[in-house]
Amino acid sequence: MKKNSFILIILFISISCFADDEDIDPYGWCVSPGFAYAYHNDKDYLLGAEISLFNSAYSFNPFSSLFYGIYFDIFYDSQLEAIKYSIGPELGITPFGIDGGLIILNSNSQTNYGYSFRTFITLPPVGCCHGFGPPFLLYYRYNNIPEIEDYHEFGILWKLPIPLKRFSFK
């Protein structure tokens, strides 16, 4: 699973690196790697990374911008001493968004499955290709893993949106 995740990240970033300026769609698809820190139970932390692929249909008003896509993240959970993977869809109207999906938790050679739901606010509340700098996401996530007690996360995610090359079939 780790090898496949690394290959996907390299693929998304490589496509964007070879795009010429005129091939970049400023209102289209972006790949966005990021790093996160979260806490739960006042003393335990989660440290991780995320990559998302999303499309943004931005207008001149950043508060009426719609985005949708898919995300994948991986976290180290200090309380459970486990690695947590999560994958699912994301959707929002800038600066607010939601995502959620499947959780896979690996700890002590045991694998558990569950789901998560996250709400977030993006600061600054602008799109990936407008040149206002990398956004920060402040978020709350609910995690449900039936074999383990449910828990809540509060965190911050720093993202670096990269516009993807527009594909042409000429």
Protein backbone atom coordinates (compact mmCIF):
# COMPACT_ATOMS: atom_id res chain seq x y z
CA MET A 1 0.00 0.00 0.00
CA LYS A 2 2.85 2.44 0.85
CA LYS A 3 4.56 1.77 -2.49
CA ASN A 4 1.35 2.38 -4.46
CA SER A 5 0.68 5.63 -2.56
CA PHE A 6 4.18 6.91 -3.31
CA ILE A 7 3.78 6.08 -7.02
CA LEU A 8 0.47 8.00 -7.20
CA ILE A 9 1.99 11.08 -5.56
CA ILE A 10 4.96 11.07 -7.97
CA LEU A 11 2.64 10.61 -10.96
CA PHE A 12 0.40 13.56 -10.03
CA ILE A 13 3.32 15.88 -9.34
CA SER A 14 5.20 14.86 -12.53
CA ILE A 15 2.22 15.65 -14.75
CA SER A 16 2.03 19.16 -13.35
CA CYS A 17 5.78 19.82 -13.51
CA PHE A 18 5.92 19.34 -17.28
CA ALA A 19 3.03 21.67 -18.05
CA ASP A 20 3.77 24.80 -20.07
CA ASP A 21 2.20 28.01 -18.80
CA GLU A 22 -0.31 28.08 -21.66
CA ASP A 23 -1.31 24.46 -20.87
CA ILE A 24 -2.30 25.23 -17.28
CA ASP A 25 -6.02 25.66 -16.65
CA PRO A 26 -6.25 28.20 -13.81
CA TYR A 27 -9.82 27.16 -13.01
CA GLY A 28 -9.48 23.42 -13.45
CA TRP A 29 -7.82 20.41 -11.87
CA CYS A 30 -5.17 20.71 -9.17
CA VAL A 31 -3.15 18.17 -7.24
CA SER A 32 -2.48 19.25 -3.69
CA PRO A 33 0.04 17.56 -1.41
CA GLY A 34 0.00 18.66 2.21
CA PHE A 35 1.16 18.04 5.76
CA ALA A 36 -1.03 17.87 8.86
CA TYR A 37 -0.88 17.97 12.62
CA ALA A 38 -3.87 17.11 14.79
CA TYR A 39 -4.62 16.26 18.40
CA HIS A 40 -7.17 14.27 20.33
CA ASN A 41 -7.64 13.48 24.03
CA ASP A 42 -5.69 16.64 24.98
CA LYS A 43 -2.29 14.93 24.96
CA ASP A 44 -2.21 12.59 21.97
CA TYR A 45 -1.32 13.75 18.48
CA LEU A 46 -1.57 12.68 14.86
CA LEU A 47 1.09 13.61 12.34
CA GLY A 48 0.60 12.94 8.66
CA ALA A 49 0.41 13.83 5.00
CA GLU A 50 -2.37 14.19 2.48
CA ILE A 51 -2.69 14.38 -1.27
CA SER A 52 -5.84 15.40 -3.05
CA LEU A 53 -6.93 15.77 -6.65
CA PHE A 54 -9.68 18.33 -7.08
CA ASN A 55 -11.42 20.53 -9.60
CA SER A 56 -12.30 24.12 -8.88
CA ALA A 57 -14.83 26.19 -10.80
CA TYR A 58 -13.92 29.64 -9.48
CA SER A 59 -15.74 32.86 -10.15
CA PHE A 60 -14.49 36.34 -9.33
CA ASN A 61 -16.07 36.04 -5.89
CA PRO A 62 -13.99 33.56 -3.83
CA PHE A 63 -16.93 32.89 -1.50
CA SER A 64 -19.00 31.40 -4.33
CA SER A 65 -16.36 28.94 -5.54
CA LEU A 66 -17.28 25.27 -5.85
CA PHE A 67 -14.70 22.48 -5.59
CA TYR A 68 -14.89 18.68 -5.66
CA GLY A 69 -12.40 15.85 -5.77
CA ILE A 70 -10.82 12.93 -3.93
CA TYR A 71 -8.26 12.78 -1.11
CA PHE A 72 -5.90 10.22 0.40
CA ASP A 73 -4.12 10.73 3.71
CA ILE A 74 -1.84 8.81 6.03
CA PHE A 75 -1.31 9.61 9.72
CA TYR A 76 0.69 8.30 12.64
CA ASP A 77 -1.57 8.16 15.73
CA SER A 78 0.44 8.47 18.97
CA GLN A 79 -2.34 7.19 21.23
CA LEU A 80 -3.00 4.02 19.25
CA GLU A 81 0.62 3.72 18.10
CA ALA A 82 -0.81 2.99 14.67
CA ILE A 83 -0.78 4.14 11.07
CA LYS A 84 -4.15 5.38 9.82
CA TYR A 85 -5.01 5.60 6.10
CA SER A 86 -8.10 7.39 4.84
CA ILE A 87 -9.50 7.83 1.33
CA GLY A 88 -12.69 9.39 0.05
CA PRO A 89 -14.45 12.23 -1.77
CA GLU A 90 -14.25 15.92 -0.90
CA LEU A 91 -16.68 18.72 -1.71
CA GLY A 92 -17.15 22.33 -0.75
CA ILE A 93 -17.96 25.94 -1.42
CA THR A 94 -15.01 28.13 -0.55
CA PRO A 95 -14.01 28.59 2.23
CA PHE A 96 -16.00 25.65 3.68
CA GLY A 97 -15.64 21.98 2.82
CA ILE A 98 -16.35 18.42 3.85
CA ASP A 99 -14.75 15.09 3.12
CA GLY A 100 -14.94 11.59 4.43
CA GLY A 101 -14.39 8.01 3.59
CA LEU A 102 -12.86 4.69 4.46
CA ILE A 103 -10.31 4.36 7.28
CA ILE A 104 -7.75 1.58 7.43
CA LEU A 105 -5.91 1.40 10.76
CA ASN A 106 -2.77 -0.74 11.08
CA SER A 107 -1.44 -1.39 14.57
CA ASN A 108 0.53 -4.28 16.05
CA SER A 109 0.00 -6.43 12.95
CA GLN A 110 -3.77 -5.94 13.26
CA THR A 111 -5.88 -4.18 10.62
CA ASN A 112 -9.18 -2.47 11.44
CA TYR A 113 -11.61 -0.70 9.13
CA GLY A 114 -13.97 2.18 9.72
CA TYR A 115 -15.03 5.54 8.35
CA SER A 116 -14.37 9.22 8.96
CA PHE A 117 -16.12 12.51 8.35
CA ARG A 118 -14.27 15.84 8.30
CA THR A 119 -15.40 19.47 8.09
CA PHE A 120 -12.92 22.23 7.36
CA ILE A 121 -12.43 25.91 6.68
CA THR A 122 -9.73 27.13 4.30
CA LEU A 123 -7.60 30.16 5.11
CA PRO A 124 -7.13 32.23 2.99
CA PRO A 125 -10.51 31.48 1.39
CA VAL A 126 -9.33 31.51 -2.23
CA GLY A 127 -8.69 28.99 -4.97
CA CYS A 128 -5.64 26.94 -5.83
CA CYS A 129 -4.59 28.80 -8.94
CA HIS A 130 -5.15 32.43 -7.96
CA GLY A 131 -1.62 33.01 -6.63
CA PHE A 132 -2.57 33.92 -3.06
CA GLY A 133 -0.24 31.38 -1.51
CA PRO A 134 -0.72 27.94 0.00
CA PRO A 135 -3.85 27.57 2.09
CA PHE A 136 -4.19 26.25 5.61
CA LEU A 137 -7.17 24.11 6.54
CA LEU A 138 -8.47 24.13 10.09
CA TYR A 139 -10.48 20.96 10.59
CA TYR A 140 -12.53 18.71 12.82
CA ARG A 141 -12.71 14.98 12.01
CA TYR A 142 -14.88 12.25 13.50
CA ASN A 143 -13.40 8.73 13.25
CA ASN A 144 -15.48 5.59 13.68
CA ILE A 145 -13.61 2.28 13.89
CA PRO A 146 -15.93 -0.39 15.33
CA GLU A 147 -13.18 -2.38 17.10
CA ILE A 148 -11.79 0.79 18.72
CA GLU A 149 -13.47 3.62 20.60
CA ASP A 150 -14.64 6.47 18.34
CA TYR A 151 -12.49 9.57 18.56
CA HIS A 152 -12.37 13.18 17.41
CA GLU A 153 -9.48 15.12 15.88
CA PHE A 154 -8.86 18.85 15.72
CA GLY A 155 -6.08 19.83 13.37
CA ILE A 156 -4.40 22.01 10.82
CA LEU A 157 -3.44 20.97 7.30
CA TRP A 158 -1.02 22.94 5.12
CA LYS A 159 -1.58 22.36 1.39
CA LEU A 160 0.33 23.25 -1.74
CA PRO A 161 -2.12 23.25 -4.70
CA ILE A 162 -0.43 22.65 -8.05
CA PRO A 163 -2.41 23.21 -11.27
CA LEU A 164 -2.35 20.22 -13.59
CA LYS A 165 -1.59 20.26 -17.29
CA ARG A 166 -4.66 20.46 -19.45
CA PHE A 167 -4.86 17.33 -21.57
CA SER A 168 -5.55 17.71 -25.28
CA PHE A 169 -6.65 14.91 -27.59
CA LYS A 170 -5.79 16.72 -30.87
